[in-house]
Each structure stands twice: as structure tokens, then as C-alpha cells.
């Protein structure tokens, strides 16, 4: 019984899995933030291009 409890206390595989999960969550949050900012920038750029093209084609 004592050996089993000692093994459970020394087992760190669960802690490693939690650490990897936290790293993945942090990377996901950073990616979402970067893509959101980039998406807004692209929307502005394409709107500007579309407006300029419409002005150039209009009689």
C-alpha cells in the first residue's frame, strides 16, 4: 500500500499534460488576437481598394 501511494506522489505525467494544455491555450489566445487584428486591417484595405475601383469605373 505504501509503495502504491509513493508511486502516485512521484508520478508527474499528469502535471506535464496540464502544462502542455496551458501552453496550447496560450498559443491559441495569441493566435486569435493576431488574426483578429490582421482581419480588421485586411477589411479596411479591401474596402479602400473596392472604393477606388468603383470610382475609377463609374462614368
N, C-alpha and C. Protein backbone atom coordinates (compact mmCIF):
# COMPACT_ATOMS: atom_id res chain seq x y z
N UNK A 1 0.83 -1.19 0.00
CA UNK A 1 0.00 0.00 0.00
C UNK A 1 0.88 1.26 0.00
N UNK A 2 1.91 1.24 0.84
CA UNK A 2 2.81 2.38 0.93
C UNK A 2 3.53 2.61 -0.41
N UNK A 3 3.89 1.54 -1.07
CA UNK A 3 4.57 1.64 -2.36
C UNK A 3 3.66 2.28 -3.40
N UNK A 4 2.41 1.93 -3.42
CA UNK A 4 1.44 2.50 -4.37
C UNK A 4 1.27 3.98 -4.15
N UNK A 5 1.15 4.40 -2.93
CA UNK A 5 0.99 5.83 -2.61
C UNK A 5 2.24 6.60 -2.99
N UNK A 6 3.40 6.02 -2.73
CA UNK A 6 4.66 6.66 -3.08
C UNK A 6 4.77 6.84 -4.59
N UNK A 7 4.38 5.82 -5.35
CA UNK A 7 4.40 5.91 -6.82
C UNK A 7 3.46 7.00 -7.32
N UNK A 8 2.27 7.10 -6.73
CA UNK A 8 1.31 8.11 -7.14
C UNK A 8 1.82 9.52 -6.86
N UNK A 9 2.49 9.70 -5.73
CA UNK A 9 3.02 11.01 -5.38
C UNK A 9 4.19 11.42 -6.28
N UNK A 10 4.94 10.45 -6.78
CA UNK A 10 6.09 10.73 -7.61
C UNK A 10 5.74 10.83 -9.10
N UNK A 11 4.56 10.38 -9.47
CA UNK A 11 4.14 10.40 -10.88
C UNK A 11 3.84 11.84 -11.30
N UNK A 12 4.56 12.34 -12.32
CA UNK A 12 4.38 13.71 -12.79
C UNK A 12 3.81 13.78 -14.21
N UNK A 13 3.35 12.67 -14.75
CA UNK A 13 2.85 12.67 -16.13
C UNK A 13 1.59 13.53 -16.27
N UNK A 14 0.75 13.56 -15.26
CA UNK A 14 -0.44 14.40 -15.30
C UNK A 14 -0.09 15.88 -15.30
N UNK A 15 0.92 16.24 -14.53
CA UNK A 15 1.37 17.64 -14.47
C UNK A 15 1.92 18.07 -15.83
N UNK A 16 2.63 17.19 -16.50
CA UNK A 16 3.18 17.51 -17.82
C UNK A 16 2.05 17.73 -18.83
N UNK A 17 1.03 16.91 -18.78
CA UNK A 17 -0.11 17.07 -19.69
C UNK A 17 -0.81 18.41 -19.45
N UNK A 18 -0.94 18.79 -18.19
CA UNK A 18 -1.57 20.07 -17.86
C UNK A 18 -0.72 21.22 -18.37
N UNK A 19 0.59 21.11 -18.24
CA UNK A 19 1.48 22.17 -18.75
C UNK A 19 1.34 22.32 -20.26
N UNK A 20 1.31 21.20 -20.98
CA UNK A 20 1.14 21.27 -22.43
C UNK A 20 -0.22 21.88 -22.79
N UNK A 21 -1.23 21.55 -22.02
CA UNK A 21 -2.55 22.14 -22.26
C UNK A 21 -2.55 23.65 -22.05
N UNK A 22 -1.87 24.11 -21.03
CA UNK A 22 -1.78 25.55 -20.77
C UNK A 22 -1.00 26.26 -21.87
N UNK A 23 0.07 25.64 -22.35
CA UNK A 23 0.84 26.24 -23.44
C UNK A 23 -0.01 26.32 -24.70
N UNK A 24 -0.75 25.27 -25.01
CA UNK A 24 -1.62 25.28 -26.19
C UNK A 24 -2.69 26.35 -26.07
N UNK A 25 -3.25 26.53 -24.89
CA UNK A 25 -4.26 27.56 -24.68
C UNK A 25 -3.66 28.96 -24.87
N UNK A 26 -2.48 29.19 -24.37
CA UNK A 26 -1.81 30.48 -24.53
C UNK A 26 -1.51 30.78 -25.99
N UNK A 27 -1.03 29.79 -26.72
CA UNK A 27 -0.75 29.96 -28.15
C UNK A 27 -2.05 30.26 -28.91
N UNK A 28 -3.13 29.59 -28.54
CA UNK A 28 -4.42 29.83 -29.20
C UNK A 28 -4.91 31.25 -28.96
N UNK A 29 -4.79 31.73 -27.74
CA UNK A 29 -5.23 33.09 -27.43
C UNK A 29 -4.41 34.11 -28.21
N UNK A 30 -3.10 33.89 -28.30
CA UNK A 30 -2.23 34.80 -29.05
C UNK A 30 -2.58 34.78 -30.54
N UNK A 31 -2.85 33.61 -31.08
CA UNK A 31 -3.20 33.49 -32.50
C UNK A 31 -4.53 34.17 -32.79
N UNK A 32 -5.50 34.00 -31.93
CA UNK A 32 -6.80 34.64 -32.13
C UNK A 32 -6.66 36.15 -32.11
N UNK A 33 -5.88 36.66 -31.18
CA UNK A 33 -5.66 38.11 -31.11
C UNK A 33 -4.97 38.64 -32.36
N UNK A 34 -3.95 37.95 -32.83
CA UNK A 34 -3.23 38.39 -34.02
C UNK A 34 -4.11 38.32 -35.26
N UNK A 35 -4.85 37.25 -35.41
CA UNK A 35 -5.71 37.10 -36.59
C UNK A 35 -6.86 38.10 -36.58
N UNK A 36 -7.38 38.43 -35.43
CA UNK A 36 -8.44 39.43 -35.34
C UNK A 36 -7.92 40.79 -35.79
N UNK A 37 -6.76 41.16 -35.32
CA UNK A 37 -6.16 42.44 -35.71
C UNK A 37 -5.86 42.45 -37.21
N UNK A 38 -5.31 41.37 -37.71
CA UNK A 38 -4.99 41.28 -39.13
C UNK A 38 -6.26 41.31 -39.97
N UNK A 39 -7.33 40.68 -39.51
CA UNK A 39 -8.59 40.67 -40.24
C UNK A 39 -9.17 42.06 -40.38
N UNK A 40 -9.12 42.84 -39.31
CA UNK A 40 -9.64 44.21 -39.38
C UNK A 40 -8.81 45.05 -40.35
N UNK A 41 -7.52 44.85 -40.35
CA UNK A 41 -6.63 45.58 -41.25
C UNK A 41 -6.92 45.21 -42.70
N UNK A 42 -7.11 43.92 -42.96
CA UNK A 42 -7.42 43.47 -44.32
C UNK A 42 -8.76 43.99 -44.79
N UNK A 43 -9.74 44.02 -43.90
CA UNK A 43 -11.05 44.54 -44.26
C UNK A 43 -10.96 46.00 -44.69
N UNK A 44 -10.20 46.79 -43.96
CA UNK A 44 -10.01 48.20 -44.30
C UNK A 44 -9.32 48.33 -45.65
N UNK A 45 -8.30 47.53 -45.88
CA UNK A 45 -7.56 47.59 -47.14
C UNK A 45 -8.46 47.23 -48.33
N UNK A 46 -9.21 46.16 -48.23
CA UNK A 46 -10.07 45.73 -49.33
C UNK A 46 -11.21 46.72 -49.57
N UNK A 47 -11.72 47.33 -48.52
CA UNK A 47 -12.75 48.34 -48.68
C UNK A 47 -12.20 49.54 -49.45
N UNK A 48 -10.99 49.96 -49.12
CA UNK A 48 -10.36 51.08 -49.82
C UNK A 48 -10.15 50.74 -51.29
N UNK A 49 -9.64 49.55 -51.57
CA UNK A 49 -9.41 49.13 -52.96
C UNK A 49 -10.72 49.08 -53.72
N UNK A 50 -11.75 48.52 -53.11
CA UNK A 50 -13.06 48.43 -53.76
C UNK A 50 -13.62 49.82 -54.07
N UNK A 51 -13.50 50.74 -53.14
CA UNK A 51 -13.99 52.10 -53.34
C UNK A 51 -13.25 52.78 -54.49
N UNK A 52 -11.93 52.62 -54.52
CA UNK A 52 -11.13 53.23 -55.60
C UNK A 52 -11.48 52.63 -56.96
N UNK A 53 -11.70 51.32 -57.00
CA UNK A 53 -12.07 50.70 -58.27
C UNK A 53 -13.45 51.17 -58.73
N UNK A 54 -14.39 51.27 -57.81
CA UNK A 54 -15.73 51.76 -58.18
C UNK A 54 -15.67 53.19 -58.69
N UNK A 55 -14.84 54.01 -58.09
CA UNK A 55 -14.71 55.41 -58.53
C UNK A 55 -14.06 55.47 -59.91
N UNK A 56 -13.13 54.59 -60.20
CA UNK A 56 -12.45 54.59 -61.47
C UNK A 56 -13.35 54.10 -62.60
N UNK A 57 -14.25 53.19 -62.31
CA UNK A 57 -15.12 52.60 -63.33
C UNK A 57 -16.37 53.47 -63.57
N UNK A 58 -16.80 54.17 -62.55
CA UNK A 58 -18.03 54.97 -62.66
C UNK A 58 -17.88 56.04 -63.73
N UNK A 59 -18.93 56.26 -64.53
CA UNK A 59 -18.86 57.25 -65.61
C UNK A 59 -18.74 58.68 -65.13
